[in-house]
Amino acid sequence: MKTIKYLTAAVFFMIASLSTATSQHQVDGPSLKFDKERHDFGTLYINELPDAKVDVEFSNNGTEPLVLSNVRACCGTRVIDWPKEPIMPGESGTVKVQFRVPPRVHNISRTVTIMSNAPNSPNVFRMVGKVTDQKEEIIDSTE
């Protein structure tokens, strides 16, 4: 019975330690954190392709200014604009990108790489999706 009490107390202590460690939002030094992990276009249809424009939003959850030194994108993706001034702690910024989605069946897989003074640099943001043939209309056979 004592073993179960000690084991329960040890598990409770470990859970409490982990939750306080992960609840700290601010990191020492500069830190780039994306607002969302990736952008998913979902399923697009060849006859309904949108302009692929994405605003990659991020914030500096560190204690020092975040300075972006270079922003590049892969395979035909253009970086339209990115912050040239330091992003102060607690502030956010946006990298604007765009690309053309070819009108053929394929998977979308694009990346934007951000180089900065953050210790975890470079940071890579992914854009994914799927282009399929024209959407087929569902015919109700009960009519």
N, C-alpha and C. Protein backbone atom coordinates (compact mmCIF):
# COMPACT_ATOMS: atom_id res chain seq x y z
N MET A 1 0.82 -1.19 0.00
CA MET A 1 0.00 0.00 0.00
C MET A 1 0.87 1.26 0.00
N LYS A 2 1.97 1.23 0.79
CA LYS A 2 2.87 2.38 0.81
C LYS A 2 3.51 2.59 -0.56
N THR A 3 3.81 1.50 -1.25
CA THR A 3 4.42 1.58 -2.58
C THR A 3 3.49 2.31 -3.55
N ILE A 4 2.22 2.03 -3.50
CA ILE A 4 1.25 2.68 -4.38
C ILE A 4 1.17 4.17 -4.07
N LYS A 5 1.19 4.54 -2.78
CA LYS A 5 1.15 5.95 -2.40
C LYS A 5 2.40 6.68 -2.92
N TYR A 6 3.59 6.06 -2.74
CA TYR A 6 4.82 6.69 -3.20
C TYR A 6 4.85 6.79 -4.72
N LEU A 7 4.37 5.76 -5.39
CA LEU A 7 4.34 5.77 -6.85
C LEU A 7 3.37 6.85 -7.36
N THR A 8 2.22 6.97 -6.73
CA THR A 8 1.25 7.99 -7.11
C THR A 8 1.83 9.38 -6.88
N ALA A 9 2.49 9.58 -5.76
CA ALA A 9 3.11 10.88 -5.47
C ALA A 9 4.20 11.20 -6.49
N ALA A 10 5.00 10.21 -6.86
CA ALA A 10 6.07 10.43 -7.84
C ALA A 10 5.50 10.79 -9.20
N VAL A 11 4.45 10.10 -9.63
CA VAL A 11 3.82 10.41 -10.92
C VAL A 11 3.23 11.82 -10.88
N PHE A 12 2.56 12.17 -9.80
CA PHE A 12 1.98 13.51 -9.67
C PHE A 12 3.08 14.57 -9.74
N PHE A 13 4.19 14.35 -9.07
CA PHE A 13 5.31 15.30 -9.08
C PHE A 13 5.88 15.47 -10.48
N MET A 14 6.02 14.36 -11.21
CA MET A 14 6.56 14.42 -12.57
C MET A 14 5.62 15.19 -13.49
N ILE A 15 4.32 14.96 -13.38
CA ILE A 15 3.34 15.67 -14.21
C ILE A 15 3.35 17.16 -13.89
N ALA A 16 3.42 17.51 -12.61
CA ALA A 16 3.47 18.91 -12.21
C ALA A 16 4.74 19.59 -12.73
N SER A 17 5.86 18.90 -12.69
CA SER A 17 7.12 19.45 -13.19
C SER A 17 7.06 19.68 -14.69
N LEU A 18 6.51 18.74 -15.43
CA LEU A 18 6.41 18.89 -16.88
C LEU A 18 5.47 20.02 -17.27
N SER A 19 4.36 20.16 -16.56
CA SER A 19 3.40 21.21 -16.93
C SER A 19 3.96 22.59 -16.66
N THR A 20 4.75 22.78 -15.60
CA THR A 20 5.33 24.09 -15.35
C THR A 20 6.45 24.38 -16.34
N ALA A 21 7.16 23.37 -16.78
CA ALA A 21 8.23 23.58 -17.75
C ALA A 21 7.66 23.96 -19.11
N THR A 22 6.56 23.37 -19.52
CA THR A 22 5.98 23.68 -20.82
C THR A 22 5.11 24.92 -20.80
N SER A 23 4.71 25.41 -19.62
CA SER A 23 3.86 26.58 -19.57
C SER A 23 4.64 27.88 -19.70
N GLN A 24 5.96 27.83 -19.63
CA GLN A 24 6.76 29.02 -19.82
C GLN A 24 6.76 29.38 -21.29
N HIS A 25 6.19 30.56 -21.61
CA HIS A 25 6.04 30.94 -23.00
C HIS A 25 7.25 31.69 -23.52
N GLN A 26 7.96 32.39 -22.68
CA GLN A 26 9.06 33.20 -23.14
C GLN A 26 10.37 32.43 -23.05
N VAL A 27 11.19 32.59 -24.08
CA VAL A 27 12.46 31.88 -24.19
C VAL A 27 13.59 32.90 -24.06
N ASP A 28 14.69 32.52 -23.43
CA ASP A 28 15.85 33.42 -23.35
C ASP A 28 16.42 33.64 -24.74
N GLY A 29 16.72 34.89 -25.07
CA GLY A 29 17.24 35.23 -26.39
C GLY A 29 16.09 35.37 -27.38
N PRO A 30 16.40 35.58 -28.65
CA PRO A 30 15.34 35.67 -29.65
C PRO A 30 14.77 34.29 -29.96
N SER A 31 13.48 34.23 -30.33
CA SER A 31 12.85 32.96 -30.64
C SER A 31 11.75 33.17 -31.67
N LEU A 32 11.84 32.48 -32.80
CA LEU A 32 10.81 32.57 -33.83
C LEU A 32 9.85 31.41 -33.67
N LYS A 33 8.55 31.74 -33.56
CA LYS A 33 7.51 30.72 -33.43
C LYS A 33 6.41 31.04 -34.42
N PHE A 34 6.10 30.07 -35.30
CA PHE A 34 5.02 30.25 -36.27
C PHE A 34 3.67 30.21 -35.56
N ASP A 35 2.71 31.01 -36.06
CA ASP A 35 1.37 31.01 -35.47
C ASP A 35 0.65 29.69 -35.72
N LYS A 36 0.91 29.06 -36.87
CA LYS A 36 0.39 27.72 -37.13
C LYS A 36 1.52 26.91 -37.75
N GLU A 37 1.44 25.61 -37.57
CA GLU A 37 2.52 24.72 -37.97
C GLU A 37 2.75 24.70 -39.48
N ARG A 38 1.66 24.74 -40.27
CA ARG A 38 1.77 24.72 -41.72
C ARG A 38 0.47 25.25 -42.31
N HIS A 39 0.49 25.51 -43.62
CA HIS A 39 -0.72 25.93 -44.32
C HIS A 39 -1.16 24.78 -45.21
N ASP A 40 -2.39 24.31 -45.00
CA ASP A 40 -2.92 23.19 -45.78
C ASP A 40 -4.01 23.72 -46.70
N PHE A 41 -3.76 23.68 -48.02
CA PHE A 41 -4.74 24.10 -49.00
C PHE A 41 -5.89 23.11 -49.12
N GLY A 42 -5.70 21.90 -48.61
CA GLY A 42 -6.71 20.87 -48.74
C GLY A 42 -6.74 20.36 -50.17
N THR A 43 -7.91 19.96 -50.64
CA THR A 43 -8.06 19.46 -52.01
C THR A 43 -8.53 20.58 -52.91
N LEU A 44 -7.77 20.84 -53.96
CA LEU A 44 -8.13 21.84 -54.96
C LEU A 44 -8.47 21.12 -56.25
N TYR A 45 -9.33 21.72 -57.05
CA TYR A 45 -9.73 21.11 -58.32
C TYR A 45 -9.16 21.92 -59.48
N ILE A 46 -8.74 21.22 -60.51
CA ILE A 46 -8.06 21.83 -61.65
C ILE A 46 -8.86 23.00 -62.21
N ASN A 47 -10.17 22.89 -62.25
CA ASN A 47 -10.98 23.96 -62.83
C ASN A 47 -11.29 25.09 -61.84
N GLU A 48 -10.80 25.01 -60.61
CA GLU A 48 -11.08 26.03 -59.59
C GLU A 48 -9.82 26.41 -58.83
N LEU A 49 -8.70 26.59 -59.51
CA LEU A 49 -7.44 26.89 -58.82
C LEU A 49 -7.38 28.35 -58.40
N PRO A 50 -7.14 28.60 -57.11
CA PRO A 50 -7.04 29.98 -56.63
C PRO A 50 -5.62 30.52 -56.83
N ASP A 51 -5.47 31.82 -56.63
CA ASP A 51 -4.13 32.38 -56.54
C ASP A 51 -3.55 31.89 -55.21
N ALA A 52 -2.38 31.34 -55.25
CA ALA A 52 -1.78 30.80 -54.03
C ALA A 52 -0.96 31.89 -53.36
N LYS A 53 -1.62 32.59 -52.45
CA LYS A 53 -0.98 33.63 -51.66
C LYS A 53 -1.12 33.23 -50.20
N VAL A 54 -0.01 33.24 -49.50
CA VAL A 54 -0.02 32.83 -48.10
C VAL A 54 0.72 33.86 -47.27
N ASP A 55 0.13 34.25 -46.15
CA ASP A 55 0.81 35.09 -45.17
C ASP A 55 1.31 34.18 -44.06
N VAL A 56 2.63 34.05 -43.97
CA VAL A 56 3.24 33.22 -42.94
C VAL A 56 3.44 34.11 -41.72
N GLU A 57 2.62 33.90 -40.71
CA GLU A 57 2.67 34.73 -39.51
C GLU A 57 3.50 34.05 -38.43
N PHE A 58 4.29 34.85 -37.73
CA PHE A 58 5.16 34.34 -36.68
C PHE A 58 5.27 35.39 -35.59
N SER A 59 5.81 34.97 -34.46
CA SER A 59 6.04 35.91 -33.36
C SER A 59 7.39 35.64 -32.72
N ASN A 60 7.87 36.63 -32.00
CA ASN A 60 9.10 36.50 -31.23
C ASN A 60 8.69 36.26 -29.79
N ASN A 61 8.76 35.01 -29.34
CA ASN A 61 8.41 34.71 -27.95
C ASN A 61 9.65 34.60 -27.09
N GLY A 62 10.71 35.31 -27.50
CA GLY A 62 11.96 35.35 -26.75
C GLY A 62 12.07 36.63 -25.94
N THR A 63 13.27 36.84 -25.38
CA THR A 63 13.52 38.00 -24.53
C THR A 63 14.38 39.06 -25.22
N GLU A 64 14.84 38.78 -26.43
CA GLU A 64 15.68 39.72 -27.19
C GLU A 64 15.09 39.92 -28.58
N PRO A 65 15.46 41.02 -29.25
CA PRO A 65 14.94 41.27 -30.61
C PRO A 65 15.31 40.14 -31.58
N LEU A 66 14.36 39.80 -32.44
CA LEU A 66 14.53 38.79 -33.48
C LEU A 66 14.84 39.50 -34.78
N VAL A 67 15.96 39.14 -35.41
CA VAL A 67 16.38 39.77 -36.66
C VAL A 67 16.40 38.71 -37.76
N LEU A 68 15.57 38.91 -38.80
CA LEU A 68 15.57 38.00 -39.94
C LEU A 68 16.69 38.42 -40.88
N SER A 69 17.57 37.48 -41.22
CA SER A 69 18.69 37.81 -42.11
C SER A 69 18.43 37.39 -43.55
N ASN A 70 17.59 36.39 -43.77
CA ASN A 70 17.28 35.94 -45.11
C ASN A 70 15.99 35.11 -45.07
N VAL A 71 15.18 35.28 -46.10
CA VAL A 71 13.97 34.49 -46.25
C VAL A 71 13.96 33.98 -47.68
N ARG A 72 13.88 32.67 -47.83
CA ARG A 72 13.86 32.10 -49.18
C ARG A 72 12.77 31.05 -49.27
N ALA A 73 12.34 30.82 -50.51
CA ALA A 73 11.28 29.84 -50.75
C ALA A 73 11.75 28.88 -51.84
N CYS A 74 11.13 27.73 -51.88
CA CYS A 74 11.54 26.70 -52.84
C CYS A 74 10.72 26.75 -54.11
N CYS A 75 11.21 26.12 -55.11
CA CYS A 75 10.54 25.69 -56.35
C CYS A 75 9.45 26.61 -56.89
N GLY A 76 9.83 27.79 -57.30
CA GLY A 76 8.86 28.68 -57.93
C GLY A 76 8.01 29.49 -56.98
N THR A 77 8.23 29.38 -55.70
CA THR A 77 7.51 30.17 -54.72
C THR A 77 8.26 31.48 -54.52
N ARG A 78 7.55 32.61 -54.62
CA ARG A 78 8.18 33.92 -54.48
C ARG A 78 7.92 34.51 -53.12
N VAL A 79 8.97 35.04 -52.51
CA VAL A 79 8.81 35.79 -51.26
C VAL A 79 8.54 37.23 -51.67
N ILE A 80 7.35 37.72 -51.38
CA ILE A 80 6.93 39.07 -51.78
C ILE A 80 7.46 40.11 -50.79
N ASP A 81 7.34 39.81 -49.49
CA ASP A 81 7.75 40.79 -48.48
C ASP A 81 8.05 40.06 -47.17
N TRP A 82 9.00 40.59 -46.41
CA TRP A 82 9.31 40.09 -45.08
C TRP A 82 9.89 41.22 -44.25
N PRO A 83 9.74 41.16 -42.91
CA PRO A 83 10.19 42.26 -42.05
C PRO A 83 11.71 42.44 -42.10
N LYS A 84 12.14 43.66 -42.37
CA LYS A 84 13.57 43.97 -42.39
C LYS A 84 14.03 44.55 -41.05
N GLU A 85 13.09 45.06 -40.28
CA GLU A 85 13.39 45.63 -38.97
C GLU A 85 13.31 44.54 -37.90
N PRO A 86 14.04 44.70 -36.78
CA PRO A 86 13.96 43.71 -35.71
C PRO A 86 12.54 43.56 -35.16
N ILE A 87 12.18 42.33 -34.84
CA ILE A 87 10.89 42.03 -34.21
C ILE A 87 11.16 41.97 -32.71
N MET A 88 10.57 42.89 -31.98
CA MET A 88 10.82 42.98 -30.55
C MET A 88 10.12 41.84 -29.80
N PRO A 89 10.57 41.51 -28.59
CA PRO A 89 9.92 40.43 -27.82
C PRO A 89 8.43 40.68 -27.66
N GLY A 90 7.64 39.64 -27.91
CA GLY A 90 6.20 39.73 -27.80
C GLY A 90 5.50 40.25 -29.05
N GLU A 91 6.27 40.75 -30.02
CA GLU A 91 5.68 41.26 -31.25
C GLU A 91 5.66 40.17 -32.31
N SER A 92 4.96 40.45 -33.41
CA SER A 92 4.86 39.46 -34.47
C SER A 92 5.17 40.10 -35.82
N GLY A 93 5.32 39.23 -36.82
CA GLY A 93 5.62 39.68 -38.17
C GLY A 93 4.99 38.74 -39.17
N THR A 94 5.06 39.13 -40.45
CA THR A 94 4.46 38.35 -41.52
C THR A 94 5.40 38.27 -42.71
N VAL A 95 5.54 37.07 -43.25
CA VAL A 95 6.25 36.86 -44.50
C VAL A 95 5.18 36.58 -45.55
N LYS A 96 5.15 37.37 -46.62
CA LYS A 96 4.15 37.19 -47.67
C LYS A 96 4.78 36.43 -48.83
N VAL A 97 4.12 35.32 -49.22
CA VAL A 97 4.62 34.50 -50.33
C VAL A 97 3.48 34.22 -51.30
N GLN A 98 3.86 33.90 -52.54
CA GLN A 98 2.87 33.49 -53.52
C GLN A 98 3.52 32.56 -54.53
N PHE A 99 2.68 31.74 -55.16
CA PHE A 99 3.15 30.85 -56.21
C PHE A 99 1.97 30.46 -57.10
N ARG A 100 2.31 29.98 -58.26
CA ARG A 100 1.29 29.53 -59.21
C ARG A 100 1.08 28.03 -59.02
N VAL A 101 -0.18 27.63 -58.96
CA VAL A 101 -0.51 26.20 -58.84
C VAL A 101 -0.73 25.69 -60.26
N PRO A 102 0.13 24.79 -60.75
CA PRO A 102 -0.06 24.26 -62.11
C PRO A 102 -1.37 23.50 -62.23
N PRO A 103 -2.07 23.66 -63.38
CA PRO A 103 -3.36 22.98 -63.56
C PRO A 103 -3.19 21.53 -64.01
N ARG A 104 -2.67 20.72 -63.12
CA ARG A 104 -2.50 19.30 -63.36
C ARG A 104 -2.64 18.58 -62.03
N VAL A 105 -2.92 17.30 -62.07
CA VAL A 105 -3.06 16.51 -60.85
C VAL A 105 -1.68 16.36 -60.20
N HIS A 106 -1.55 16.80 -58.95
CA HIS A 106 -0.29 16.68 -58.22
C HIS A 106 -0.51 17.05 -56.75
N ASN A 107 0.50 16.76 -55.94
CA ASN A 107 0.50 17.17 -54.54
C ASN A 107 1.26 18.47 -54.42
N ILE A 108 0.74 19.39 -53.64
CA ILE A 108 1.43 20.66 -53.37
C ILE A 108 2.34 20.44 -52.17
N SER A 109 3.59 20.79 -52.34
CA SER A 109 4.56 20.71 -51.24
C SER A 109 5.57 21.82 -51.44
N ARG A 110 5.39 22.90 -50.71
CA ARG A 110 6.26 24.07 -50.81
C ARG A 110 6.79 24.42 -49.43
N THR A 111 7.95 25.07 -49.39
CA THR A 111 8.53 25.48 -48.12
C THR A 111 9.03 26.92 -48.19
N VAL A 112 9.02 27.57 -47.04
CA VAL A 112 9.63 28.88 -46.86
C VAL A 112 10.62 28.72 -45.72
N THR A 113 11.88 29.10 -45.96
CA THR A 113 12.93 28.96 -44.95
C THR A 113 13.32 30.35 -44.45
N ILE A 114 13.27 30.53 -43.14
CA ILE A 114 13.59 31.82 -42.53
C ILE A 114 14.88 31.67 -41.72
N MET A 115 15.88 32.46 -42.11
CA MET A 115 17.16 32.52 -41.38
C MET A 115 17.09 33.73 -40.44
N SER A 116 17.50 33.52 -39.19
CA SER A 116 17.43 34.61 -38.22
C SER A 116 18.52 34.43 -37.17
N ASN A 117 18.51 35.32 -36.18
CA ASN A 117 19.45 35.21 -35.07
C ASN A 117 18.94 34.31 -33.95
N ALA A 118 17.82 33.62 -34.17
CA ALA A 118 17.28 32.69 -33.17
C ALA A 118 18.16 31.44 -33.12
N PRO A 119 18.36 30.87 -31.94
CA PRO A 119 19.19 29.66 -31.82
C PRO A 119 18.67 28.48 -32.64
N ASN A 120 17.35 28.40 -32.87
CA ASN A 120 16.79 27.28 -33.62
C ASN A 120 16.68 27.57 -35.12
N SER A 121 17.38 28.60 -35.60
CA SER A 121 17.36 28.95 -37.01
C SER A 121 18.16 27.93 -37.81
N PRO A 122 17.76 27.59 -39.02
CA PRO A 122 16.64 28.13 -39.79
C PRO A 122 15.32 27.49 -39.39
N ASN A 123 14.24 28.27 -39.60
CA ASN A 123 12.89 27.79 -39.35
C ASN A 123 12.22 27.56 -40.70
N VAL A 124 11.55 26.42 -40.84
CA VAL A 124 10.94 26.05 -42.11
C VAL A 124 9.42 25.97 -41.94
N PHE A 125 8.71 26.70 -42.82
CA PHE A 125 7.25 26.68 -42.85
C PHE A 125 6.82 25.91 -44.09
N ARG A 126 5.86 25.02 -43.95
CA ARG A 126 5.43 24.17 -45.06
C ARG A 126 4.03 24.53 -45.53
N MET A 127 3.84 24.39 -46.85
CA MET A 127 2.53 24.57 -47.46
C MET A 127 2.23 23.30 -48.24
N VAL A 128 1.08 22.71 -47.97
CA VAL A 128 0.74 21.42 -48.57
C VAL A 128 -0.68 21.47 -49.13
N GLY A 129 -0.99 20.50 -49.96
CA GLY A 129 -2.32 20.37 -50.52
C GLY A 129 -2.31 19.35 -51.63
N LYS A 130 -3.44 19.23 -52.32
CA LYS A 130 -3.56 18.25 -53.39
C LYS A 130 -4.43 18.85 -54.49
N VAL A 131 -3.98 18.70 -55.74
CA VAL A 131 -4.77 19.14 -56.89
C VAL A 131 -5.29 17.89 -57.58
N THR A 132 -6.61 17.85 -57.78
CA THR A 132 -7.23 16.69 -58.43
C THR A 132 -8.03 17.15 -59.65
N ASP A 133 -8.55 16.16 -60.40
CA ASP A 133 -9.38 16.45 -61.57
C ASP A 133 -10.63 17.21 -61.15
N GLN A 134 -11.38 17.64 -62.17
CA GLN A 134 -12.60 18.38 -61.94
C GLN A 134 -13.54 17.61 -61.01
N LYS A 135 -14.14 18.37 -60.12
CA LYS A 135 -15.08 17.79 -59.17
C LYS A 135 -16.26 17.19 -59.93
N GLU A 136 -16.56 15.94 -59.64
CA GLU A 136 -17.69 15.28 -60.28
C GLU A 136 -18.95 15.56 -59.49
N GLU A 137 -20.01 15.87 -60.21
CA GLU A 137 -21.28 16.11 -59.54
C GLU A 137 -21.87 14.78 -59.09
N ILE A 138 -22.43 14.77 -57.91
CA ILE A 138 -23.06 13.56 -57.37
C ILE A 138 -24.50 13.53 -57.87
N ILE A 139 -24.86 12.46 -58.54
CA ILE A 139 -26.20 12.32 -59.09
C ILE A 139 -27.01 11.47 -58.14
N ASP A 140 -28.17 12.01 -57.74
CA ASP A 140 -29.04 11.31 -56.82
C ASP A 140 -29.85 10.28 -57.62
N SER A 141 -29.67 9.01 -57.33
CA SER A 141 -30.33 7.95 -58.08
C SER A 141 -31.77 7.69 -57.61
N THR A 142 -32.21 8.39 -56.58
CA THR A 142 -33.57 8.17 -56.08
C THR A 142 -34.60 8.97 -56.86
N GLU A 143 -34.16 9.89 -57.70
CA GLU A 143 -35.12 10.70 -58.46
C GLU A 143 -35.64 9.97 -59.66
